[in-house]
């Protein structure tokens, strides 16, 4: 797909999502994905990464497990996403979060169509598939950990990775790596603080 065609598709998708936002009721993940039309593994990863930031108990953990499965799929085929498990597909977002997700996705695709273009092809060469697969798995593990706000940076990293693959833009992939490194640093720092705090509290018992 040419860059011009990709830009047009992104703008068209953004318009579709933005038009659906005002009338959004409680949407399931399956319905949110259906609005994207013919999807891919990158599109599925984008939606799951975004939804993993929703502050609903247990959702991030469940989605991170499926993102781990996508990491394996990333090594094989980017055009045919695996089907969502029935229980995951029927996870419903509240009307408020449905509206927020639609608007954020629309804004993301609009900005991507303006800023991203095909460049630095060596970063999305077939030889890098295994490396990016491992990176997706690492971000999924970070999302799974019960750290305060620990799912935000890994989710942003995965969204940038998805956009980089959709637009064949190596710069977005580099940004994904940079944000992911920040996520790793944040996770290590928060873990250290929590463990130190727990040890200090126990010392007074």
N, C-alpha and C. Protein backbone atom coordinates (compact mmCIF):
# COMPACT_ATOMS: atom_id res chain seq x y z
N UNK A 1 0.84 -1.19 0.00
CA UNK A 1 0.00 0.00 0.00
C UNK A 1 0.88 1.24 0.00
N UNK A 2 0.63 2.18 -0.93
CA UNK A 2 1.43 3.39 -1.02
C UNK A 2 1.18 4.30 0.16
N UNK A 3 2.10 5.26 0.37
CA UNK A 3 1.95 6.19 1.49
C UNK A 3 0.69 7.02 1.34
N UNK A 4 0.40 7.47 0.10
CA UNK A 4 -0.79 8.28 -0.13
C UNK A 4 -2.06 7.49 0.19
N UNK A 5 -2.09 6.24 -0.22
CA UNK A 5 -3.25 5.39 0.06
C UNK A 5 -3.39 5.15 1.55
N UNK A 6 -2.25 4.91 2.22
CA UNK A 6 -2.28 4.68 3.66
C UNK A 6 -2.78 5.92 4.39
N UNK A 7 -2.34 7.10 3.97
CA UNK A 7 -2.80 8.34 4.59
C UNK A 7 -4.31 8.51 4.41
N UNK A 8 -4.79 8.23 3.20
CA UNK A 8 -6.23 8.35 2.93
C UNK A 8 -7.02 7.39 3.79
N UNK A 9 -6.53 6.16 3.92
CA UNK A 9 -7.23 5.16 4.74
C UNK A 9 -7.26 5.59 6.21
N UNK A 10 -6.14 6.14 6.70
CA UNK A 10 -6.09 6.58 8.09
C UNK A 10 -7.06 7.73 8.33
N UNK A 11 -7.12 8.69 7.41
CA UNK A 11 -8.04 9.82 7.58
C UNK A 11 -9.49 9.35 7.50
N UNK A 12 -9.77 8.42 6.58
CA UNK A 12 -11.13 7.89 6.45
C UNK A 12 -11.54 7.14 7.71
N UNK A 13 -10.61 6.35 8.25
CA UNK A 13 -10.90 5.61 9.48
C UNK A 13 -11.12 6.57 10.64
N UNK A 14 -10.29 7.61 10.72
CA UNK A 14 -10.45 8.60 11.78
C UNK A 14 -11.82 9.25 11.71
N UNK A 15 -12.27 9.57 10.52
CA UNK A 15 -13.59 10.19 10.37
C UNK A 15 -14.69 9.24 10.80
N UNK A 16 -14.57 7.96 10.43
CA UNK A 16 -15.57 6.96 10.83
C UNK A 16 -15.65 6.84 12.34
N UNK A 17 -14.50 6.79 13.00
CA UNK A 17 -14.47 6.65 14.45
C UNK A 17 -15.02 7.90 15.14
N UNK A 18 -14.66 9.07 14.61
CA UNK A 18 -15.11 10.32 15.21
C UNK A 18 -16.63 10.47 15.06
N UNK A 19 -17.17 10.06 13.93
CA UNK A 19 -18.62 10.14 13.73
C UNK A 19 -19.37 9.18 14.63
N UNK A 20 -18.74 8.06 14.97
CA UNK A 20 -19.40 7.08 15.83
C UNK A 20 -19.35 7.48 17.30
N UNK A 21 -18.41 8.35 17.67
CA UNK A 21 -18.19 8.68 19.08
C UNK A 21 -19.40 9.31 19.76
N UNK A 22 -20.08 10.32 19.17
CA UNK A 22 -21.19 10.97 19.89
C UNK A 22 -22.33 10.02 20.23
N UNK A 23 -22.56 9.01 19.41
CA UNK A 23 -23.67 8.09 19.62
C UNK A 23 -23.24 6.79 20.30
N UNK A 24 -22.00 6.79 20.81
CA UNK A 24 -21.46 5.55 21.37
C UNK A 24 -22.23 5.12 22.61
N UNK A 25 -22.66 3.88 22.61
CA UNK A 25 -23.24 3.26 23.80
C UNK A 25 -22.19 2.31 24.35
N UNK A 26 -22.58 1.38 25.17
CA UNK A 26 -21.63 0.38 25.66
C UNK A 26 -21.18 -0.49 24.49
N UNK A 27 -19.91 -0.42 24.14
CA UNK A 27 -19.37 -1.16 23.00
C UNK A 27 -18.52 -2.32 23.49
N UNK A 28 -18.55 -3.40 22.74
CA UNK A 28 -17.66 -4.52 23.03
C UNK A 28 -16.37 -4.32 22.24
N UNK A 29 -15.33 -5.05 22.63
CA UNK A 29 -14.07 -4.99 21.89
C UNK A 29 -14.28 -5.41 20.44
N UNK A 30 -15.15 -6.41 20.25
CA UNK A 30 -15.41 -6.88 18.89
C UNK A 30 -16.03 -5.78 18.03
N UNK A 31 -16.96 -5.01 18.60
CA UNK A 31 -17.58 -3.92 17.86
C UNK A 31 -16.57 -2.81 17.56
N UNK A 32 -15.69 -2.55 18.51
CA UNK A 32 -14.66 -1.53 18.30
C UNK A 32 -13.72 -1.94 17.17
N UNK A 33 -13.38 -3.21 17.12
CA UNK A 33 -12.52 -3.70 16.04
C UNK A 33 -13.26 -3.70 14.70
N UNK A 34 -14.57 -4.00 14.73
CA UNK A 34 -15.34 -4.03 13.49
C UNK A 34 -15.36 -2.66 12.81
N UNK A 35 -15.29 -1.58 13.59
CA UNK A 35 -15.28 -0.24 13.01
C UNK A 35 -14.02 0.00 12.17
N UNK A 36 -12.98 -0.80 12.41
CA UNK A 36 -11.74 -0.66 11.65
C UNK A 36 -11.83 -1.36 10.29
N UNK A 37 -12.91 -2.07 10.05
CA UNK A 37 -13.03 -2.79 8.78
C UNK A 37 -12.09 -3.98 8.76
N UNK A 38 -11.43 -4.18 7.63
CA UNK A 38 -10.50 -5.30 7.49
C UNK A 38 -9.26 -5.02 8.32
N UNK A 39 -9.11 -5.75 9.41
CA UNK A 39 -8.03 -5.47 10.33
C UNK A 39 -6.77 -6.25 10.02
N UNK A 40 -5.78 -6.05 10.87
CA UNK A 40 -4.51 -6.75 10.79
C UNK A 40 -4.03 -6.94 12.21
N UNK A 41 -2.92 -7.64 12.37
CA UNK A 41 -2.36 -7.83 13.70
C UNK A 41 -1.98 -6.48 14.31
N UNK A 42 -1.47 -5.57 13.48
CA UNK A 42 -1.10 -4.24 13.98
C UNK A 42 -2.31 -3.48 14.49
N UNK A 43 -3.43 -3.55 13.78
CA UNK A 43 -4.66 -2.87 14.22
C UNK A 43 -5.16 -3.49 15.52
N UNK A 44 -5.15 -4.81 15.60
CA UNK A 44 -5.61 -5.49 16.80
C UNK A 44 -4.73 -5.10 17.99
N UNK A 45 -3.42 -5.04 17.77
CA UNK A 45 -2.49 -4.65 18.83
C UNK A 45 -2.76 -3.22 19.28
N UNK A 46 -3.05 -2.34 18.33
CA UNK A 46 -3.35 -0.94 18.65
C UNK A 46 -4.56 -0.85 19.59
N UNK A 47 -5.65 -1.52 19.24
CA UNK A 47 -6.88 -1.45 20.03
C UNK A 47 -6.69 -2.08 21.40
N UNK A 48 -6.02 -3.23 21.46
CA UNK A 48 -5.82 -3.90 22.75
C UNK A 48 -4.91 -3.08 23.65
N UNK A 49 -3.88 -2.46 23.07
CA UNK A 49 -2.97 -1.63 23.88
C UNK A 49 -3.71 -0.45 24.48
N UNK A 50 -4.55 0.19 23.67
CA UNK A 50 -5.32 1.32 24.18
C UNK A 50 -6.27 0.88 25.28
N UNK A 51 -6.99 -0.20 25.05
CA UNK A 51 -7.99 -0.65 26.03
C UNK A 51 -7.33 -1.15 27.32
N UNK A 52 -6.07 -1.55 27.26
CA UNK A 52 -5.40 -2.03 28.47
C UNK A 52 -5.14 -0.91 29.46
N UNK A 53 -5.30 0.35 29.04
CA UNK A 53 -5.11 1.48 29.96
C UNK A 53 -6.40 1.86 30.68
N UNK A 54 -7.52 1.25 30.32
CA UNK A 54 -8.80 1.57 30.96
C UNK A 54 -8.78 1.08 32.40
N UNK A 55 -9.11 1.96 33.36
CA UNK A 55 -9.02 1.57 34.77
C UNK A 55 -10.18 0.71 35.24
N UNK A 56 -10.24 -0.50 34.69
CA UNK A 56 -11.23 -1.49 35.13
C UNK A 56 -10.46 -2.69 35.64
N UNK A 57 -10.73 -3.10 36.86
CA UNK A 57 -9.96 -4.17 37.49
C UNK A 57 -9.95 -5.43 36.63
N UNK A 58 -8.76 -5.93 36.37
CA UNK A 58 -8.60 -7.20 35.67
C UNK A 58 -8.51 -7.10 34.16
N UNK A 59 -8.97 -5.97 33.57
CA UNK A 59 -8.99 -5.88 32.10
C UNK A 59 -7.58 -5.87 31.54
N UNK A 60 -6.69 -5.06 32.14
CA UNK A 60 -5.31 -4.99 31.66
C UNK A 60 -4.63 -6.34 31.70
N UNK A 61 -4.88 -7.11 32.76
CA UNK A 61 -4.25 -8.42 32.90
C UNK A 61 -4.73 -9.37 31.81
N UNK A 62 -6.04 -9.39 31.57
CA UNK A 62 -6.59 -10.29 30.55
C UNK A 62 -6.08 -9.89 29.17
N UNK A 63 -6.10 -8.59 28.87
CA UNK A 63 -5.64 -8.13 27.56
C UNK A 63 -4.15 -8.38 27.37
N UNK A 64 -3.37 -8.24 28.44
CA UNK A 64 -1.93 -8.47 28.32
C UNK A 64 -1.63 -9.92 27.97
N UNK A 65 -2.46 -10.84 28.45
CA UNK A 65 -2.26 -12.25 28.09
C UNK A 65 -2.49 -12.47 26.60
N UNK A 66 -3.50 -11.81 26.04
CA UNK A 66 -3.74 -11.95 24.61
C UNK A 66 -2.67 -11.23 23.80
N UNK A 67 -2.15 -10.11 24.34
CA UNK A 67 -1.05 -9.41 23.66
C UNK A 67 0.18 -10.32 23.61
N UNK A 68 0.38 -11.11 24.65
CA UNK A 68 1.47 -12.09 24.62
C UNK A 68 1.28 -13.08 23.47
N UNK A 69 0.04 -13.50 23.25
CA UNK A 69 -0.25 -14.40 22.13
C UNK A 69 0.02 -13.69 20.80
N UNK A 70 -0.29 -12.39 20.73
CA UNK A 70 -0.02 -11.63 19.51
C UNK A 70 1.47 -11.53 19.24
N UNK A 71 2.27 -11.51 20.30
CA UNK A 71 3.73 -11.44 20.12
C UNK A 71 4.22 -12.62 19.30
N UNK A 72 3.64 -13.80 19.55
CA UNK A 72 4.00 -14.98 18.76
C UNK A 72 3.50 -14.83 17.32
N UNK A 73 2.28 -14.32 17.15
CA UNK A 73 1.70 -14.13 15.82
C UNK A 73 2.54 -13.15 15.01
N UNK A 74 3.15 -12.17 15.68
CA UNK A 74 3.95 -11.14 15.01
C UNK A 74 5.10 -11.75 14.20
N UNK A 75 5.60 -12.87 14.63
CA UNK A 75 6.72 -13.51 13.94
C UNK A 75 6.28 -14.19 12.65
N UNK A 76 4.96 -14.38 12.49
CA UNK A 76 4.48 -15.23 11.40
C UNK A 76 3.70 -14.46 10.34
N UNK A 77 2.63 -13.76 10.75
CA UNK A 77 1.72 -13.18 9.76
C UNK A 77 1.10 -11.91 10.33
N UNK A 78 1.33 -10.77 9.64
CA UNK A 78 0.81 -9.50 10.13
C UNK A 78 -0.54 -9.15 9.52
N UNK A 79 -0.98 -9.91 8.54
CA UNK A 79 -2.20 -9.57 7.83
C UNK A 79 -3.43 -10.29 8.36
N UNK A 80 -3.23 -11.43 8.99
CA UNK A 80 -4.35 -12.22 9.47
C UNK A 80 -4.31 -12.29 10.99
N UNK A 81 -5.04 -11.40 11.67
CA UNK A 81 -5.04 -11.43 13.13
C UNK A 81 -5.76 -12.65 13.66
N UNK A 82 -5.32 -13.20 14.78
CA UNK A 82 -6.03 -14.34 15.36
C UNK A 82 -7.38 -13.89 15.89
N UNK A 83 -8.38 -14.75 15.88
CA UNK A 83 -9.69 -14.37 16.42
C UNK A 83 -9.63 -14.14 17.91
N UNK A 84 -10.39 -13.15 18.37
CA UNK A 84 -10.46 -12.90 19.80
C UNK A 84 -11.22 -14.04 20.47
N UNK A 85 -10.78 -14.49 21.64
CA UNK A 85 -11.58 -15.45 22.40
C UNK A 85 -12.96 -14.85 22.67
N UNK A 86 -13.98 -15.69 22.71
CA UNK A 86 -15.36 -15.21 22.82
C UNK A 86 -15.56 -14.31 24.04
N UNK A 87 -15.01 -14.72 25.18
CA UNK A 87 -15.20 -13.92 26.40
C UNK A 87 -14.52 -12.56 26.27
N UNK A 88 -13.35 -12.54 25.62
CA UNK A 88 -12.64 -11.27 25.46
C UNK A 88 -13.36 -10.38 24.46
N UNK A 89 -13.86 -10.97 23.38
CA UNK A 89 -14.56 -10.19 22.35
C UNK A 89 -15.80 -9.50 22.91
N UNK A 90 -16.42 -10.11 23.92
CA UNK A 90 -17.66 -9.57 24.47
C UNK A 90 -17.44 -8.66 25.67
N UNK A 91 -16.17 -8.35 25.98
CA UNK A 91 -15.90 -7.39 27.06
C UNK A 91 -16.48 -6.04 26.65
N UNK A 92 -17.35 -5.49 27.49
CA UNK A 92 -18.03 -4.24 27.16
C UNK A 92 -17.38 -3.05 27.84
N UNK A 93 -17.22 -1.98 27.07
CA UNK A 93 -16.77 -0.71 27.61
C UNK A 93 -18.00 0.13 27.94
N UNK A 94 -17.91 0.93 28.98
CA UNK A 94 -19.03 1.81 29.31
C UNK A 94 -19.20 2.84 28.21
N UNK A 95 -20.38 3.47 28.10
CA UNK A 95 -20.56 4.52 27.08
C UNK A 95 -19.49 5.61 27.17
N UNK A 96 -19.10 5.98 28.39
CA UNK A 96 -18.08 7.01 28.55
C UNK A 96 -16.74 6.56 27.98
N UNK A 97 -16.33 5.34 28.30
CA UNK A 97 -15.04 4.86 27.80
C UNK A 97 -15.11 4.50 26.32
N UNK A 98 -16.24 4.08 25.85
CA UNK A 98 -16.40 3.85 24.41
C UNK A 98 -16.17 5.15 23.65
N UNK A 99 -16.78 6.23 24.14
CA UNK A 99 -16.62 7.54 23.52
C UNK A 99 -15.17 7.99 23.56
N UNK A 100 -14.52 7.82 24.72
CA UNK A 100 -13.13 8.25 24.86
C UNK A 100 -12.21 7.47 23.93
N UNK A 101 -12.41 6.15 23.87
CA UNK A 101 -11.56 5.32 23.01
C UNK A 101 -11.73 5.69 21.54
N UNK A 102 -12.97 5.91 21.10
CA UNK A 102 -13.22 6.28 19.71
C UNK A 102 -12.57 7.61 19.38
N UNK A 103 -12.70 8.58 20.27
CA UNK A 103 -12.10 9.90 20.02
C UNK A 103 -10.58 9.83 20.03
N UNK A 104 -10.01 9.08 20.95
CA UNK A 104 -8.56 8.98 21.02
C UNK A 104 -8.00 8.25 19.81
N UNK A 105 -8.67 7.18 19.38
CA UNK A 105 -8.23 6.47 18.19
C UNK A 105 -8.32 7.37 16.95
N UNK A 106 -9.42 8.12 16.85
CA UNK A 106 -9.59 9.03 15.72
C UNK A 106 -8.48 10.07 15.70
N UNK A 107 -8.19 10.66 16.86
CA UNK A 107 -7.13 11.67 16.95
C UNK A 107 -5.77 11.05 16.59
N UNK A 108 -5.53 9.83 17.06
CA UNK A 108 -4.26 9.15 16.80
C UNK A 108 -4.06 8.92 15.31
N UNK A 109 -5.09 8.43 14.63
CA UNK A 109 -4.97 8.17 13.19
C UNK A 109 -4.83 9.48 12.41
N UNK A 110 -5.51 10.53 12.85
CA UNK A 110 -5.38 11.83 12.18
C UNK A 110 -3.95 12.34 12.28
N UNK A 111 -3.37 12.28 13.47
CA UNK A 111 -2.00 12.76 13.65
C UNK A 111 -1.01 11.88 12.90
N UNK A 112 -1.27 10.58 12.89
CA UNK A 112 -0.38 9.66 12.18
C UNK A 112 -0.37 9.95 10.69
N UNK A 113 -1.55 10.26 10.12
CA UNK A 113 -1.62 10.54 8.69
C UNK A 113 -0.85 11.81 8.32
N UNK A 114 -0.70 12.72 9.29
CA UNK A 114 0.04 13.96 9.04
C UNK A 114 1.54 13.80 9.23
N UNK A 115 1.92 12.97 10.20
CA UNK A 115 3.32 12.93 10.63
C UNK A 115 4.12 11.73 10.12
N UNK A 116 3.45 10.62 9.90
CA UNK A 116 4.18 9.40 9.59
C UNK A 116 4.25 9.16 8.09
N UNK A 117 5.34 8.54 7.67
CA UNK A 117 5.53 8.18 6.26
C UNK A 117 6.51 7.02 6.20
N UNK A 118 6.60 6.41 5.06
CA UNK A 118 7.50 5.27 4.91
C UNK A 118 8.96 5.72 4.91
N UNK A 119 9.74 5.20 5.83
CA UNK A 119 11.16 5.54 5.93
C UNK A 119 11.86 4.52 6.84
N UNK A 120 13.18 4.47 6.70
CA UNK A 120 14.02 3.61 7.52
C UNK A 120 13.49 2.18 7.52
N UNK A 121 13.39 1.63 6.31
CA UNK A 121 12.78 0.31 6.13
C UNK A 121 13.49 -0.81 6.86
N UNK A 122 14.76 -0.63 7.20
CA UNK A 122 15.50 -1.70 7.87
C UNK A 122 14.92 -2.01 9.25
N UNK A 123 14.18 -1.03 9.84
CA UNK A 123 13.61 -1.27 11.16
C UNK A 123 12.37 -2.15 11.13
N UNK A 124 11.74 -2.27 9.96
CA UNK A 124 10.60 -3.19 9.87
C UNK A 124 10.86 -4.29 8.84
N UNK A 125 12.14 -4.56 8.60
CA UNK A 125 12.52 -5.66 7.72
C UNK A 125 12.14 -7.00 8.36
N UNK A 126 11.96 -8.00 7.55
CA UNK A 126 11.57 -9.32 8.04
C UNK A 126 12.53 -9.84 9.11
N UNK A 127 13.80 -9.49 9.01
CA UNK A 127 14.78 -9.98 9.97
C UNK A 127 14.55 -9.40 11.37
N UNK A 128 13.79 -8.32 11.46
CA UNK A 128 13.54 -7.71 12.78
C UNK A 128 12.27 -8.26 13.44
N UNK A 129 11.53 -9.11 12.76
CA UNK A 129 10.26 -9.58 13.29
C UNK A 129 10.41 -10.26 14.66
N UNK A 130 11.45 -11.08 14.81
CA UNK A 130 11.66 -11.78 16.07
C UNK A 130 11.96 -10.80 17.19
N UNK A 131 12.77 -9.78 16.88
CA UNK A 131 13.11 -8.77 17.89
C UNK A 131 11.87 -8.03 18.35
N UNK A 132 11.04 -7.59 17.38
CA UNK A 132 9.83 -6.86 17.76
C UNK A 132 8.83 -7.76 18.47
N UNK A 133 8.83 -9.03 18.12
CA UNK A 133 7.97 -9.99 18.81
C UNK A 133 8.35 -10.07 20.29
N UNK A 134 9.65 -10.12 20.56
CA UNK A 134 10.12 -10.15 21.95
C UNK A 134 9.79 -8.84 22.66
N UNK A 135 9.86 -7.72 21.93
CA UNK A 135 9.54 -6.42 22.52
C UNK A 135 8.06 -6.34 22.92
N UNK A 136 7.18 -6.84 22.05
CA UNK A 136 5.75 -6.86 22.37
C UNK A 136 5.50 -7.70 23.61
N UNK A 137 6.17 -8.85 23.70
CA UNK A 137 6.00 -9.72 24.87
C UNK A 137 6.46 -9.00 26.14
N UNK A 138 7.58 -8.26 26.05
CA UNK A 138 8.09 -7.54 27.21
C UNK A 138 7.12 -6.46 27.66
N UNK A 139 6.55 -5.72 26.72
CA UNK A 139 5.58 -4.69 27.07
C UNK A 139 4.32 -5.30 27.67
N UNK A 140 3.92 -6.47 27.17
CA UNK A 140 2.74 -7.16 27.71
C UNK A 140 2.97 -7.54 29.17
N UNK A 141 4.18 -8.01 29.48
CA UNK A 141 4.50 -8.38 30.86
C UNK A 141 4.44 -7.15 31.76
N UNK A 142 4.94 -6.00 31.28
CA UNK A 142 4.89 -4.77 32.07
C UNK A 142 3.44 -4.34 32.33
N UNK A 143 2.59 -4.49 31.31
CA UNK A 143 1.17 -4.15 31.49
C UNK A 143 0.54 -5.06 32.54
N UNK A 144 0.98 -6.30 32.58
CA UNK A 144 0.41 -7.28 33.50
C UNK A 144 0.78 -6.99 34.96
N UNK A 145 1.95 -6.38 35.19
CA UNK A 145 2.41 -6.16 36.56
C UNK A 145 1.49 -5.17 37.29
N UNK A 146 1.19 -5.42 38.54
CA UNK A 146 0.28 -4.53 39.30
C UNK A 146 1.01 -3.32 39.85
N UNK A 147 1.50 -2.45 38.96
CA UNK A 147 2.20 -1.24 39.37
C UNK A 147 1.31 -0.03 39.10
N UNK A 148 1.33 0.97 39.97
CA UNK A 148 0.53 2.17 39.74
C UNK A 148 0.91 2.85 38.42
N UNK A 149 -0.04 3.00 37.53
CA UNK A 149 0.17 3.61 36.21
C UNK A 149 1.23 2.88 35.38
N UNK A 150 1.54 1.66 35.78
CA UNK A 150 2.59 0.92 35.07
C UNK A 150 2.18 0.43 33.70
N UNK A 151 0.88 0.52 33.36
CA UNK A 151 0.42 0.04 32.06
C UNK A 151 0.43 1.14 31.00
N UNK A 152 0.60 2.40 31.40
CA UNK A 152 0.44 3.50 30.45
C UNK A 152 1.58 3.55 29.43
N UNK A 153 2.82 3.62 29.90
CA UNK A 153 3.95 3.72 28.97
C UNK A 153 4.10 2.48 28.08
N UNK A 154 3.95 1.25 28.61
CA UNK A 154 4.00 0.09 27.71
C UNK A 154 2.91 0.13 26.65
N UNK A 155 1.71 0.59 27.02
CA UNK A 155 0.62 0.68 26.04
C UNK A 155 0.95 1.70 24.95
N UNK A 156 1.52 2.85 25.34
CA UNK A 156 1.90 3.86 24.35
C UNK A 156 2.98 3.30 23.43
N UNK A 157 3.93 2.56 24.01
CA UNK A 157 4.98 1.94 23.19
C UNK A 157 4.39 1.00 22.14
N UNK A 158 3.40 0.20 22.55
CA UNK A 158 2.78 -0.74 21.61
C UNK A 158 1.94 -0.01 20.56
N UNK A 159 1.30 1.08 20.94
CA UNK A 159 0.53 1.86 19.97
C UNK A 159 1.46 2.48 18.92
N UNK A 160 2.61 3.00 19.37
CA UNK A 160 3.59 3.55 18.42
C UNK A 160 4.14 2.46 17.51
N UNK A 161 4.36 1.27 18.08
CA UNK A 161 4.83 0.16 17.27
C UNK A 161 3.80 -0.19 16.20
N UNK A 162 2.53 -0.23 16.60
CA UNK A 162 1.46 -0.55 15.65
C UNK A 162 1.42 0.47 14.52
N UNK A 163 1.49 1.76 14.87
CA UNK A 163 1.46 2.81 13.85
C UNK A 163 2.69 2.72 12.95
N UNK A 164 3.84 2.44 13.55
CA UNK A 164 5.05 2.30 12.76
C UNK A 164 4.95 1.20 11.74
N UNK A 165 4.26 0.11 12.13
CA UNK A 165 4.10 -1.00 11.19
C UNK A 165 3.05 -0.69 10.12
N UNK A 166 1.97 -0.02 10.54
CA UNK A 166 0.93 0.34 9.56
C UNK A 166 1.48 1.27 8.48
N UNK A 167 2.29 2.25 8.90
CA UNK A 167 2.80 3.26 7.97
C UNK A 167 4.20 2.93 7.47
N UNK A 168 4.77 1.81 7.90
CA UNK A 168 6.13 1.44 7.53
C UNK A 168 7.11 2.55 7.89
N UNK A 169 6.91 3.14 9.07
CA UNK A 169 7.72 4.27 9.51
C UNK A 169 8.67 3.84 10.61
N UNK A 170 9.96 3.79 10.28
CA UNK A 170 10.96 3.38 11.25
C UNK A 170 11.11 4.36 12.40
N UNK A 171 10.81 5.65 12.16
CA UNK A 171 10.91 6.63 13.24
C UNK A 171 9.91 6.30 14.35
N UNK A 172 8.69 5.94 13.97
CA UNK A 172 7.69 5.56 14.98
C UNK A 172 8.15 4.33 15.76
N UNK A 173 8.83 3.41 15.08
CA UNK A 173 9.33 2.22 15.76
C UNK A 173 10.43 2.59 16.74
N UNK A 174 11.29 3.54 16.37
CA UNK A 174 12.32 4.00 17.30
C UNK A 174 11.69 4.67 18.51
N UNK A 175 10.66 5.48 18.27
CA UNK A 175 9.95 6.11 19.38
C UNK A 175 9.30 5.06 20.29
N UNK A 176 8.80 4.00 19.68
CA UNK A 176 8.24 2.89 20.46
C UNK A 176 9.29 2.32 21.39
N UNK A 177 10.50 2.14 20.86
CA UNK A 177 11.59 1.62 21.68
C UNK A 177 11.96 2.57 22.81
N UNK A 178 12.00 3.88 22.50
CA UNK A 178 12.36 4.87 23.52
C UNK A 178 11.33 4.91 24.65
N UNK A 179 10.04 4.92 24.28
CA UNK A 179 8.99 4.94 25.29
C UNK A 179 9.01 3.63 26.10
N UNK A 180 9.27 2.53 25.41
CA UNK A 180 9.34 1.24 26.10
C UNK A 180 10.48 1.19 27.10
N UNK A 181 11.62 1.78 26.75
CA UNK A 181 12.74 1.84 27.70
C UNK A 181 12.35 2.67 28.92
N UNK A 182 11.60 3.76 28.66
CA UNK A 182 11.09 4.55 29.77
C UNK A 182 10.16 3.74 30.65
N UNK A 183 9.35 2.87 30.01
CA UNK A 183 8.43 2.02 30.77
C UNK A 183 9.21 1.03 31.63
N UNK A 184 10.28 0.48 31.09
CA UNK A 184 11.10 -0.45 31.86
C UNK A 184 11.73 0.27 33.05
N UNK A 185 12.28 1.48 32.79
CA UNK A 185 12.88 2.25 33.88
C UNK A 185 11.86 2.62 34.94
N UNK A 186 10.67 3.01 34.51
CA UNK A 186 9.60 3.35 35.45
C UNK A 186 9.23 2.14 36.30
N UNK A 187 9.09 1.00 35.64
CA UNK A 187 8.72 -0.22 36.36
C UNK A 187 9.76 -0.61 37.39
N UNK A 188 11.05 -0.52 37.02
CA UNK A 188 12.12 -0.86 37.97
C UNK A 188 12.14 0.11 39.14
N UNK A 189 11.95 1.41 38.84
CA UNK A 189 11.98 2.41 39.90
C UNK A 189 10.84 2.22 40.88
N UNK A 190 9.62 2.07 40.35
CA UNK A 190 8.46 1.90 41.22
C UNK A 190 8.58 0.60 42.03
N UNK A 191 9.06 -0.46 41.40
CA UNK A 191 9.23 -1.72 42.12
C UNK A 191 10.23 -1.56 43.26
N UNK A 192 11.31 -0.85 42.99
CA UNK A 192 12.33 -0.62 44.03
C UNK A 192 11.74 0.18 45.19
N UNK A 193 10.98 1.23 44.86
CA UNK A 193 10.37 2.06 45.91
C UNK A 193 9.39 1.23 46.73
N UNK A 194 8.55 0.43 46.07
CA UNK A 194 7.56 -0.37 46.80
C UNK A 194 8.23 -1.41 47.69
N UNK A 195 9.27 -2.07 47.17
CA UNK A 195 9.98 -3.08 47.96
C UNK A 195 10.69 -2.44 49.14
N UNK A 196 11.34 -1.29 48.91
CA UNK A 196 12.02 -0.58 49.99
C UNK A 196 11.03 -0.13 51.05
N UNK A 197 9.88 0.37 50.59
CA UNK A 197 8.86 0.80 51.55
C UNK A 197 8.33 -0.34 52.38
N UNK A 198 8.13 -1.48 51.71
CA UNK A 198 7.63 -2.66 52.42
C UNK A 198 8.66 -3.15 53.45
N UNK A 199 9.94 -3.15 53.07
CA UNK A 199 10.98 -3.59 53.99
C UNK A 199 11.09 -2.66 55.20
N UNK A 200 10.94 -1.33 54.93
CA UNK A 200 11.00 -0.36 56.02
C UNK A 200 9.83 -0.55 56.96
N UNK A 201 8.64 -0.77 56.39
CA UNK A 201 7.45 -0.97 57.23
C UNK A 201 7.60 -2.22 58.08
N UNK A 202 8.13 -3.29 57.47
CA UNK A 202 8.28 -4.55 58.22
C UNK A 202 9.30 -4.42 59.34
N UNK A 203 10.30 -3.53 59.14
CA UNK A 203 11.33 -3.39 60.16
C UNK A 203 10.79 -2.77 61.45
N UNK A 204 9.63 -2.08 61.33
CA UNK A 204 9.04 -1.45 62.52
C UNK A 204 8.05 -2.37 63.23
N UNK A 205 7.79 -3.53 62.63
CA UNK A 205 6.84 -4.45 63.25
C UNK A 205 7.50 -5.28 64.35
